[in-house]
Protein backbone atom coordinates (compact mmCIF):
# COMPACT_ATOMS: atom_id res chain seq x y z
CA MET A 1 -10.33 40.09 4.69
CA MET A 2 -8.87 37.63 2.20
CA ARG A 3 -8.08 35.15 4.96
CA LYS A 4 -11.67 35.43 6.18
CA ASN A 5 -12.94 34.59 2.70
CA ILE A 6 -10.61 31.64 2.23
CA LYS A 7 -10.55 30.14 5.70
CA PHE A 8 -12.09 26.68 5.77
CA LEU A 9 -12.75 26.64 2.04
CA ALA A 10 -13.50 22.97 2.44
CA ILE A 11 -16.78 23.69 4.24
CA LEU A 12 -18.01 27.01 2.88
CA ALA A 13 -20.74 25.30 0.90
CA ILE A 14 -21.94 23.03 3.70
CA GLY A 15 -24.59 25.23 5.21
CA LEU A 16 -26.47 23.78 8.13
CA VAL A 17 -25.97 20.06 8.53
CA ALA A 18 -29.32 18.38 8.87
CA CYS A 19 -29.95 15.75 11.48
CA GLU A 20 -29.25 12.20 10.36
CA PRO A 21 -32.40 10.18 9.60
CA GLU A 22 -32.85 7.27 11.96
CA PHE A 23 -33.46 3.83 10.54
CA ASP A 24 -34.77 0.88 12.44
CA ASN A 25 -34.38 -1.88 9.91
CA PRO A 26 -33.11 -5.00 11.66
CA ILE A 27 -31.27 -7.60 9.66
CA ASP A 28 -33.61 -10.08 8.06
CA GLU A 29 -32.91 -13.27 9.94
CA SER A 30 -35.26 -15.33 7.85
CA GLY A 31 -33.84 -18.00 5.58
CA ILE A 32 -30.77 -20.13 5.95
CA TYR A 33 -27.34 -18.54 5.97
CA THR A 34 -24.36 -20.67 4.99
CA SER A 35 -20.60 -20.25 4.70
CA GLY A 36 -20.33 -22.24 1.47
CA GLU A 37 -16.72 -23.32 0.94
CA ALA A 38 -15.47 -20.82 3.52
CA ASP A 39 -14.89 -21.29 7.24
CA PHE A 40 -15.52 -18.15 9.29
CA SER A 41 -14.73 -19.66 12.69
CA LYS A 42 -11.43 -17.76 12.98
CA TYR A 43 -11.57 -14.54 10.96
CA ILE A 44 -8.50 -12.28 10.96
CA ALA A 45 -8.41 -8.82 9.31
CA LEU A 46 -5.07 -7.43 8.17
CA GLY A 47 -4.40 -3.97 6.83
CA ASN A 48 -3.78 -0.39 7.80
CA SER A 49 -5.93 2.43 9.16
CA LEU A 50 -8.79 1.53 6.80
CA THR A 51 -9.03 -1.86 8.48
CA ALA A 52 -8.44 -0.57 12.02
CA GLY A 53 -11.39 1.85 11.92
CA PHE A 54 -9.27 5.02 11.99
CA ALA A 55 -11.38 8.11 11.23
CA ASP A 56 -11.36 11.88 11.74
CA GLY A 57 -7.57 11.82 11.97
CA ALA A 58 -7.38 9.38 14.90
CA LEU A 59 -8.20 5.92 16.20
CA TYR A 60 -10.95 5.75 18.79
CA ILE A 61 -13.40 3.19 20.18
CA THR A 62 -16.50 4.13 18.17
CA GLY A 63 -14.51 4.04 14.94
CA GLN A 64 -13.12 0.62 15.81
CA GLU A 65 -16.54 -0.73 16.70
CA ASN A 66 -17.86 0.47 13.34
CA SER A 67 -14.91 -0.78 11.29
CA PHE A 68 -15.78 -3.03 8.37
CA PRO A 69 -14.03 -6.07 9.94
CA ASN A 70 -16.16 -5.78 13.08
CA ILE A 71 -19.37 -5.31 11.08
CA LEU A 72 -18.35 -8.17 8.80
CA SER A 73 -17.72 -10.49 11.74
CA GLN A 74 -21.29 -9.89 12.90
CA GLN A 75 -22.55 -11.08 9.52
CA PHE A 76 -20.18 -14.06 9.55
CA ALA A 77 -21.72 -15.04 12.90
CA PHE A 78 -24.87 -16.04 10.99
CA ALA A 79 -22.83 -18.79 9.29
CA GLY A 80 -20.43 -20.13 11.88
CA GLY A 81 -18.31 -17.08 12.56
CA GLY A 82 -16.59 -16.98 15.94
CA GLU A 83 -15.70 -14.26 18.42
CA PHE A 84 -14.09 -11.14 17.00
CA THR A 85 -11.79 -9.07 19.20
CA GLN A 86 -10.03 -5.75 18.61
CA PRO A 87 -7.21 -3.85 20.39
CA LEU A 88 -9.60 -1.13 21.48
CA MET A 89 -8.36 2.31 22.41
CA ALA A 90 -9.05 3.50 25.95
CA ASP A 91 -11.38 6.33 24.91
CA ASN A 92 -13.18 8.15 22.13
CA ALA A 93 -10.81 11.12 22.25
CA GLY A 94 -8.34 9.37 19.97
CA GLY A 95 -4.99 10.74 21.10
CA LEU A 96 -2.01 8.72 22.32
CA LEU A 97 0.36 9.03 25.27
CA LEU A 98 3.82 7.54 25.74
CA ASN A 99 4.76 7.10 29.38
CA GLY A 100 1.99 9.49 30.29
CA SER A 101 2.97 12.33 27.93
CA PRO A 102 2.16 13.29 24.32
CA VAL A 103 4.71 12.39 21.65
CA LEU A 104 5.91 15.62 20.07
CA ASN A 105 7.19 16.43 16.61
CA LEU A 106 10.35 18.48 16.14
CA ASP A 107 8.27 21.65 15.88
CA GLY A 108 6.63 20.90 19.23
CA SER A 109 3.26 19.83 17.83
CA ASN A 110 1.48 16.72 19.03
CA ARG A 111 2.28 13.77 16.76
CA PHE A 112 -0.83 11.82 17.82
CA PRO A 113 -3.54 14.38 18.68
CA ASN A 114 -7.20 13.81 19.45
CA ARG A 115 -9.73 13.20 16.71
CA ARG A 116 -11.45 15.96 14.76
CA VAL A 117 -15.05 17.03 15.25
CA LEU A 118 -17.17 19.44 13.23
CA VAL A 119 -17.44 22.69 15.18
CA PHE A 120 -20.29 25.19 14.91
CA ASP A 121 -20.48 28.81 16.03
CA GLU A 122 -23.14 30.26 18.33
CA GLY A 123 -25.38 30.85 15.32
CA GLY A 124 -25.30 27.21 14.30
CA ASN A 125 -23.03 27.79 11.32
CA PRO A 126 -20.22 25.35 10.59
CA VAL A 127 -16.80 26.77 11.46
CA GLY A 128 -14.78 23.77 10.38
CA PRO A 129 -13.20 20.54 11.58
CA ALA A 130 -11.25 21.07 14.79
CA ILE A 131 -9.38 18.92 17.28
CA TYR A 132 -11.67 17.52 19.98
CA THR A 133 -10.99 19.26 23.28
CA GLY A 134 -13.68 17.70 25.43
CA ALA A 135 -11.33 15.28 27.19
CA PRO A 136 -7.63 14.47 27.30
CA PRO A 137 -6.44 11.18 25.79
CA ILE A 138 -5.77 8.29 28.15
CA THR A 139 -4.57 5.59 25.73
CA GLU A 140 -1.04 4.60 26.75
CA ILE A 141 1.19 3.24 24.00
CA SER A 142 3.44 1.29 26.37
CA ALA A 143 0.55 -0.63 27.95
CA ASN A 144 0.69 -3.80 25.83
CA LEU A 145 -2.66 -5.54 25.39
CA GLY A 146 -1.37 -8.90 24.13
CA SER A 147 -1.24 -10.14 20.56
CA SER A 148 -4.33 -12.34 20.03
CA PHE A 149 -6.72 -9.96 18.28
CA ASN A 150 -8.84 -10.59 15.21
CA ASN A 151 -8.49 -7.05 13.90
CA MET A 152 -4.82 -6.65 13.01
CA GLY A 153 -5.27 -3.36 11.16
CA VAL A 154 -2.42 -0.98 11.98
CA PRO A 155 -2.81 2.73 11.10
CA GLY A 156 0.12 4.01 9.07
CA ALA A 157 1.29 0.59 7.88
CA LYS A 158 2.57 0.13 4.34
CA SER A 159 2.67 -3.26 2.65
CA PHE A 160 6.22 -4.07 3.73
CA HIS A 161 5.55 -3.01 7.32
CA LEU A 162 3.33 -6.05 7.83
CA ALA A 163 6.42 -8.26 7.55
CA ALA A 164 8.90 -5.89 9.23
CA PRO A 165 10.48 -6.95 12.57
CA ASN A 166 10.64 -4.29 15.31
CA TYR A 167 7.65 -2.44 13.84
CA GLY A 168 5.95 -2.81 17.24
CA ASN A 169 8.94 -1.95 19.41
CA VAL A 170 7.85 0.66 21.97
CA ALA A 171 11.40 1.99 22.19
CA GLY A 172 11.24 2.99 18.53
CA VAL A 173 8.03 5.03 18.75
CA GLU A 174 9.50 8.36 19.87
CA PRO A 175 12.30 8.43 17.24
CA GLY A 176 9.75 7.38 14.58
CA LEU A 177 11.24 3.94 13.95
CA SER A 178 8.19 1.90 14.93
CA ASN A 179 4.41 2.10 15.00
CA PRO A 180 2.59 3.11 18.22
CA TYR A 181 -0.61 1.30 17.32
CA TYR A 182 1.14 -2.02 16.71
CA ALA A 183 3.29 -1.48 19.83
CA ARG A 184 0.07 -1.71 21.87
CA PHE A 185 -0.55 -5.33 20.83
CA ALA A 186 2.66 -6.76 19.36
CA SER A 187 3.62 -10.15 20.82
CA SER A 188 7.20 -8.92 21.26
CA ALA A 189 9.49 -6.02 20.36
CA THR A 190 10.78 -7.98 17.35
CA SER A 191 7.54 -9.60 16.16
CA THR A 192 5.82 -8.91 12.83
CA ILE A 193 2.18 -8.18 12.14
CA ILE A 194 1.88 -11.05 9.68
CA GLY A 195 3.61 -13.37 12.13
CA ASP A 196 1.24 -12.48 14.94
CA ALA A 197 -1.73 -12.93 12.60
CA VAL A 198 -0.66 -16.33 11.27
CA ALA A 199 0.14 -17.53 14.81
CA GLN A 200 -3.61 -17.42 15.46
CA ASP A 201 -4.19 -19.97 12.67
CA PRO A 202 -6.95 -18.07 10.84
CA THR A 203 -9.54 -19.93 8.78
CA PHE A 204 -10.58 -16.78 6.90
CA PHE A 205 -9.02 -13.38 6.37
CA THR A 206 -9.38 -10.01 4.68
CA LEU A 207 -6.34 -8.12 3.42
CA TRP A 208 -6.56 -4.44 2.46
CA ILE A 209 -3.03 -3.11 2.24
CA GLY A 210 -1.08 -0.90 -0.16
CA ASN A 211 -2.94 2.40 0.12
CA ASN A 212 -0.20 4.00 2.21
CA ASP A 213 2.44 2.86 -0.29
CA ILE A 214 1.13 5.63 -2.55
CA LEU A 215 -1.15 7.71 -0.31
CA SER A 216 1.56 9.20 1.90
CA TYR A 217 3.20 10.57 -1.26
CA ALA A 218 -0.12 11.93 -2.48
CA THR A 219 -1.28 13.55 0.77
CA SER A 220 2.10 15.26 1.12
CA GLY A 221 1.61 16.89 -2.27
CA GLY A 222 4.22 14.68 -3.89
CA VAL A 223 6.95 15.57 -1.40
CA GLY A 224 8.65 12.20 -1.64
CA VAL A 225 10.49 9.93 -4.05
CA ASP A 226 8.94 7.63 -6.63
CA HIS A 227 10.95 4.41 -6.43
CA ASN A 228 9.51 3.22 -9.70
CA VAL A 229 11.75 5.92 -11.12
CA THR A 230 14.78 5.30 -8.90
CA GLY A 231 14.46 1.52 -9.12
CA GLU A 232 15.19 1.18 -5.41
CA GLN A 233 13.61 -2.02 -4.03
CA ASP A 234 14.88 -1.94 -0.45
CA PRO A 235 12.18 -0.45 1.84
CA GLU A 236 14.78 0.26 4.52
CA LYS A 237 16.06 3.00 2.24
CA TYR A 238 12.63 4.58 1.74
CA GLY A 239 11.44 7.85 3.21
CA SER A 240 8.04 8.07 4.88
CA ASN A 241 6.40 9.75 1.86
CA ASP A 242 7.98 7.65 -0.88
CA ILE A 243 6.13 5.54 -3.45
CA THR A 244 6.90 1.85 -3.05
CA ASN A 245 8.59 0.15 -5.99
CA ASN A 246 6.17 -2.06 -7.96
CA THR A 247 8.45 -5.10 -7.74
CA THR A 248 8.87 -4.64 -4.00
CA PHE A 249 5.10 -4.43 -3.54
CA ALA A 250 4.50 -7.56 -5.62
CA GLY A 251 7.09 -9.53 -3.65
CA VAL A 252 5.74 -8.46 -0.27
CA TYR A 253 2.11 -9.03 -1.24
CA SER A 254 2.91 -12.54 -2.49
CA GLN A 255 4.73 -13.25 0.77
CA LEU A 256 1.74 -12.08 2.83
CA LEU A 257 -0.74 -14.23 0.93
CA GLY A 258 1.60 -17.20 1.08
CA ALA A 259 1.73 -16.95 4.87
CA LEU A 260 -2.03 -16.47 5.24
CA THR A 261 -3.03 -19.39 3.00
CA VAL A 262 -0.39 -21.92 4.05
CA ASN A 263 -2.91 -23.86 6.14
CA GLY A 264 -5.73 -23.57 3.61
CA ALA A 265 -7.39 -20.37 4.84
CA LYS A 266 -9.64 -18.59 2.40
CA GLY A 267 -10.17 -14.88 2.23
CA VAL A 268 -10.90 -11.63 0.43
CA VAL A 269 -8.37 -9.11 -0.86
CA LEU A 270 -9.31 -5.51 -1.57
CA ASN A 271 -7.76 -3.28 -4.21
CA LEU A 272 -6.77 0.38 -3.98
CA PRO A 273 -8.90 3.41 -4.92
CA ASN A 274 -7.91 6.35 -7.07
CA VAL A 275 -6.99 9.42 -5.03
CA THR A 276 -9.63 11.40 -6.93
CA SER A 277 -12.22 9.31 -5.09
CA LEU A 278 -11.14 10.91 -1.81
CA PRO A 279 -12.41 14.36 -0.73
CA PHE A 280 -8.95 15.13 0.63
CA PHE A 281 -7.99 15.83 -2.99
CA THR A 282 -11.23 17.14 -4.45
CA THR A 283 -12.72 19.55 -1.90
CA VAL A 284 -10.57 22.69 -2.21
CA PRO A 285 -11.17 24.28 -5.64
CA TYR A 286 -8.19 25.15 -7.81
CA ASN A 287 -9.51 28.74 -8.20
CA ALA A 288 -9.82 29.43 -4.49
CA ILE A 289 -8.62 33.06 -4.41
CA PRO A 290 -11.36 35.75 -4.50
CA LEU A 291 -10.18 39.20 -5.69
CA ASP A 292 -11.87 42.41 -6.74
CA ALA A 293 -10.71 44.25 -9.87
CA GLN A 294 -8.66 46.85 -7.99
CA THR A 295 -6.75 44.28 -5.94
CA ALA A 296 -6.17 42.12 -9.02
CA ALA A 297 -4.64 45.11 -10.84
CA VAL A 298 -2.25 45.81 -7.97
CA VAL A 299 -1.18 42.17 -7.78
CA ASN A 300 -0.62 42.01 -11.53
CA SER A 301 1.64 45.05 -11.42
CA ASN A 302 3.74 43.27 -8.82
CA TYR A 303 4.26 40.39 -11.23
CA ASP A 304 5.24 42.56 -14.23
CA LEU A 305 8.96 42.01 -13.63
CA TYR A 306 8.44 38.26 -13.37
CA ASN A 307 6.30 38.02 -16.53
CA ASN A 308 8.66 40.30 -18.49
CA GLY A 309 11.57 38.13 -17.44
CA LEU A 310 9.82 35.09 -18.93
CA GLN A 311 9.41 36.90 -22.25
CA GLY A 312 13.06 37.89 -22.18
CA LEU A 313 14.03 34.20 -21.93
CA VAL A 314 11.75 33.42 -24.86
CA LEU A 315 13.45 36.08 -27.01
CA ALA A 316 16.83 34.69 -25.97
CA GLY A 317 15.78 31.21 -27.06
CA LEU A 318 16.15 29.86 -23.51
CA LEU A 319 12.46 29.18 -22.90
CA SER A 320 9.66 28.02 -25.17
CA SER A 321 6.65 30.26 -25.61
CA GLU A 322 4.47 27.39 -24.36
CA GLU A 323 6.38 27.14 -21.10
CA ALA A 324 6.39 30.90 -20.69
CA SER A 325 2.62 30.92 -21.14
CA ARG A 326 2.28 28.19 -18.53
CA ARG A 327 4.32 30.23 -16.06
CA THR A 328 2.74 33.63 -16.72
CA ILE A 329 0.84 34.92 -13.71
CA LYS A 330 -2.30 36.99 -14.15
CA PHE A 331 -5.15 37.71 -11.76
CA SER A 332 -8.60 39.11 -12.53
CA ALA A 333 -11.79 40.07 -10.73
CA GLY A 334 -13.55 36.99 -9.33
CA GLN A 335 -12.16 33.60 -8.37
CA ASN A 336 -8.48 33.07 -9.14
CA ALA A 337 -6.06 30.17 -9.08
CA PRO A 338 -3.28 30.58 -6.50
CA VAL A 339 0.35 30.95 -7.44
CA ILE A 340 2.09 27.66 -6.66
CA LEU A 341 5.67 26.45 -6.49
CA ASP A 342 5.88 23.58 -8.99
CA GLU A 343 9.11 21.63 -8.63
CA ASP A 344 8.34 19.71 -11.81
CA LEU A 345 9.00 22.83 -13.88
CA THR A 346 12.40 23.42 -15.42
CA ASP A 347 14.60 25.20 -12.88
CA LEU A 348 15.26 28.75 -14.06
CA THR A 349 17.03 30.08 -10.99
CA GLY A 350 20.33 29.99 -12.86
CA PHE A 351 19.08 32.68 -15.22
CA ASN A 352 17.48 35.03 -12.74
CA ALA A 353 16.87 34.64 -9.03
CA ALA A 354 13.40 36.11 -9.52
CA LEU A 355 12.42 33.38 -11.99
CA LEU A 356 11.62 30.53 -9.66
CA ASN A 357 9.39 27.57 -10.49
CA TYR A 358 6.21 29.60 -10.25
CA ARG A 359 2.92 29.15 -12.05
CA GLN A 360 -0.76 29.44 -11.27
CA ALA A 361 -2.73 26.32 -10.50
CA THR A 362 -5.03 24.88 -13.14
CA ALA A 363 -8.07 22.61 -13.05
CA SER A 364 -5.66 19.69 -13.47
CA ASP A 365 -4.01 20.38 -10.11
CA LEU A 366 -5.38 18.91 -6.89
CA LEU A 367 -5.13 21.22 -3.88
CA VAL A 368 -5.10 19.01 -0.80
CA LEU A 369 -7.69 19.53 1.91
CA THR A 370 -5.19 20.90 4.39
CA SER A 371 -4.18 23.68 1.99
CA SER A 372 -7.31 25.55 3.09
CA SER A 373 -5.56 26.26 6.39
CA VAL A 374 -2.78 28.27 4.72
CA LEU A 375 -4.34 29.81 1.61
CA GLY A 376 -4.91 33.49 2.22
CA THR A 377 -2.77 33.69 5.35
CA LEU A 378 0.28 35.93 5.62
CA ALA A 379 3.69 34.34 5.21
CA ASP A 380 5.03 37.38 7.09
CA PRO A 381 2.59 38.79 9.67
CA ASN A 382 4.22 42.20 9.26
CA ASN A 383 3.85 42.27 5.47
CA PRO A 384 0.24 42.58 4.20
CA ALA A 385 1.44 41.79 0.66
CA SER A 386 2.72 38.34 1.66
CA VAL A 387 -0.60 36.58 1.14
CA ILE A 388 0.05 32.90 0.47
CA GLY A 389 -1.28 32.00 -2.95
CA VAL A 390 -1.09 35.61 -4.16
CA GLY A 391 2.07 37.45 -3.15
CA VAL A 392 3.80 34.31 -1.92
CA ALA A 393 3.64 31.02 -3.77
CA LEU A 394 1.80 28.08 -2.23
CA GLU A 395 4.38 25.40 -1.44
CA ASP A 396 4.51 22.20 -3.45
CA LYS A 397 3.41 20.13 -0.43
CA TRP A 398 -0.08 21.62 -0.68
CA VAL A 399 -0.64 20.67 -4.34
CA LEU A 400 -0.63 17.35 -6.17
CA THR A 401 0.38 18.30 -9.70
CA PRO A 402 -0.55 16.31 -12.83
CA GLU A 403 2.95 14.82 -12.98
CA GLU A 404 2.67 13.70 -9.36
CA GLN A 405 -0.83 12.35 -9.95
CA ALA A 406 0.53 10.29 -12.85
CA ALA A 407 3.22 8.76 -10.61
CA VAL A 408 0.60 7.79 -8.04
CA GLU A 409 -1.77 6.35 -10.64
CA THR A 410 0.96 4.37 -12.38
CA ALA A 411 1.90 2.71 -9.10
CA ARG A 412 -1.73 2.14 -8.11
CA THR A 413 -2.49 0.46 -11.43
CA SER A 414 0.49 -1.84 -11.01
CA PHE A 415 -0.41 -2.63 -7.39
CA ASN A 416 -3.99 -3.47 -8.35
CA THR A 417 -2.81 -5.72 -11.18
CA THR A 418 -0.65 -7.55 -8.62
CA ILE A 419 -3.55 -7.86 -6.17
CA ALA A 420 -5.92 -9.21 -8.81
CA GLY A 421 -3.35 -11.62 -10.21
CA LEU A 422 -2.42 -13.04 -6.83
CA ALA A 423 -6.07 -13.33 -5.84
CA THR A 424 -6.65 -15.52 -8.87
CA ALA A 425 -3.47 -17.54 -8.33
CA ASN A 426 -4.45 -18.25 -4.71
CA ASN A 427 -8.18 -18.86 -5.41
CA LEU A 428 -9.18 -15.91 -3.26
CA ALA A 429 -12.10 -13.51 -3.54
CA LEU A 430 -11.40 -9.98 -4.81
CA TYR A 431 -13.49 -6.99 -3.85
CA ASP A 432 -13.14 -4.10 -6.30
CA VAL A 433 -13.60 -1.39 -3.69
CA ALA A 434 -11.95 1.09 -6.06
CA SER A 435 -14.99 0.93 -8.35
CA ASP A 436 -17.43 1.52 -5.50
CA LEU A 437 -15.50 4.53 -4.21
CA ALA A 438 -15.26 5.90 -7.74
CA GLN A 439 -19.02 5.62 -8.00
CA ALA A 440 -19.40 7.44 -4.69
CA ALA A 441 -17.30 10.26 -6.15
CA ASN A 442 -19.25 10.32 -9.41
CA GLY A 443 -22.95 10.43 -8.64
CA GLY A 444 -23.08 8.44 -5.44
CA ILE A 445 -24.21 5.02 -4.27
CA PRO A 446 -27.88 4.66 -3.28
CA TYR A 447 -29.00 2.65 -0.28
CA ASP A 448 -32.26 2.14 1.55
CA GLY A 449 -32.84 5.62 2.85
CA GLY A 450 -30.39 7.80 0.97
CA ILE A 451 -27.23 8.04 -1.07
CA ILE A 452 -23.54 7.95 -0.15
CA THR A 453 -21.18 10.32 -1.93
CA SER A 454 -17.61 11.49 -1.43
CA GLU A 455 -18.63 15.12 -0.86
CA PHE A 456 -16.76 16.38 2.19
CA VAL A 457 -18.95 16.28 5.33
CA ARG A 458 -22.29 16.22 3.52
CA GLY A 459 -21.76 13.08 1.43
CA GLY A 460 -21.71 10.70 4.37
CA GLY A 461 -18.90 8.58 2.99
CA PHE A 462 -15.78 10.12 4.48
CA SER A 463 -14.77 11.29 7.92
CA LEU A 464 -13.40 14.73 8.76
CA ASP A 465 -9.85 13.88 7.66
CA GLY A 466 -11.09 13.51 4.08
CA VAL A 467 -9.42 10.11 3.64
CA HIS A 468 -10.94 7.54 5.99
CA PRO A 469 -14.48 6.13 5.74
CA THR A 470 -17.35 6.91 8.06
CA PRO A 471 -19.23 4.04 9.75
CA ARG A 472 -21.77 4.32 6.92
CA ALA A 473 -19.05 3.78 4.32
CA HIS A 474 -17.63 0.90 6.37
CA ALA A 475 -21.07 -0.69 6.05
CA LEU A 476 -20.86 -0.17 2.30
CA VAL A 477 -17.45 -1.88 2.22
CA THR A 478 -18.87 -4.72 4.32
CA ASN A 479 -21.57 -5.35 1.75
CA GLY A 480 -19.01 -5.34 -1.04
CA ILE A 481 -16.95 -7.96 0.75
CA LEU A 482 -20.06 -10.05 1.39
CA ARG A 483 -20.88 -10.02 -2.32
CA ALA A 484 -17.34 -11.14 -3.14
CA VAL A 485 -17.52 -13.95 -0.56
CA GLU A 486 -20.84 -15.17 -1.92
CA ALA A 487 -19.64 -15.08 -5.53
CA THR A 488 -16.36 -16.88 -4.84
CA TYR A 489 -17.23 -19.35 -2.09
CA GLY A 490 -20.95 -19.94 -2.60
CA ALA A 491 -21.88 -18.50 0.79
CA ASN A 492 -25.25 -17.00 1.67
CA LEU A 493 -24.96 -14.12 4.10
CA PRO A 494 -27.13 -11.17 5.20
CA SER A 495 -26.11 -7.69 4.11
CA VAL A 496 -26.34 -4.57 6.25
CA ASN A 497 -28.21 -1.33 5.69
CA PRO A 498 -25.72 1.59 5.53
CA GLY A 499 -28.50 3.85 6.79
CA ASP A 500 -28.24 2.19 10.18
CA TYR A 501 -24.73 3.64 10.58
CA GLY A 502 -23.67 7.21 11.29
CA THR A 503 -21.44 9.68 9.49
CA VAL A 504 -19.45 12.52 11.07
CA THR A 505 -19.57 13.81 14.64
CA VAL A 506 -21.06 17.29 14.48
CA SER A 507 -20.26 18.64 17.93
CA ASN A 508 -17.75 18.46 20.76
CA GLU A 509 -19.98 15.96 22.58
CA VAL A 510 -18.11 12.71 22.03
CA ASN A 511 -19.37 9.63 23.84
């Protein structure tokens, strides 16, 4: 029963999703559009999944076609912009194949599955995001498309990956040493993304990179290393979920801009949003466990030994009363915070094996979106008392604690300072996308026909993975970039109406 109540917490409040309003507001082609000091004839977009058009947990054609670089290129065409090409996937399913077969993780799961779609039951009620099963993937990683593409966004890339040789080596995909998306269009096994971009001699560029340098740490619930603490500056020694050292980021970012502007190209750089702007971190409530009074009493009795042990350490002078209070576990009738394993707490296992780093979540903790898939399930199918979040602690990977949030925010602040400083030093435009996404998360951003918010599914701003923008949000980003271009280079360009772009796919019917 508890699992039934908790399952898909992220969408319990959705209700029926109304049909999207249709807008038929063509771009106003009246007036004279100009490029100002910019030259849009050869526009190149560099970045990660946000630039590529990744959405719903995968890369697929419709997402690529509605990526902000592609939309932006259509506006640049009004003022001298040239052709814009992308390394399109082979389908809208979104999965990847290597030599005709899926790439598997060690546990046997598919490393690059199909996209997610919003599934409904026979009564029209939302069941939750699920992997699209309407068609198998046909995109083959080893089928190289060539390197001359305008959209050089590579899902999964961190800042230093853009300058890393062998990042597109097909032979390194299966062991996890290279990137499958770049392997599809790398000029050679040893080429670099920045090298392939500069080889096209761009006249204008956008650069949105750095999110993954902190986001992989955040989405993993802080299961990684903060290299602003270790001081390690060599990315070759980093794990996949580590936070990039601030000095390393600054050096790489300066190198990227130096390469892009060497021939006088102008461009726009985008900064990095706060994780609290993303529904991946704000959808699952901290008090997600519903209990009645009788069940709460039984659970509390099971924690008597644990709570008494904490008080014993206080009396022995081995634990402060404040820390004991923080660790004390108590449930009551109604909505309750789950018990979590917090590795930032002082390790007490040396005193008593039963006194692990347990505490209940608070409003300051961020339960990641994917935690809804495990909360309320049984850690041991044969033990009805092993409910995760109640009888068994929720693992650290499902929760971003305040200490982990602080590490992410410290790095983000430093990265954004670097981005802004180098934009000024190189006479480039800066789009403060972080402010727009913060507004979407705090009240929303109005447009002609509605409002965009960060509310999961219903807000229209984020896809079903809770991290990547919908086409409508890509339109919003496009307008932000256009404003920055006009302010910095004196251009005059038409904006787009976000209402003309869609949000999430609400069925298994994928075109």
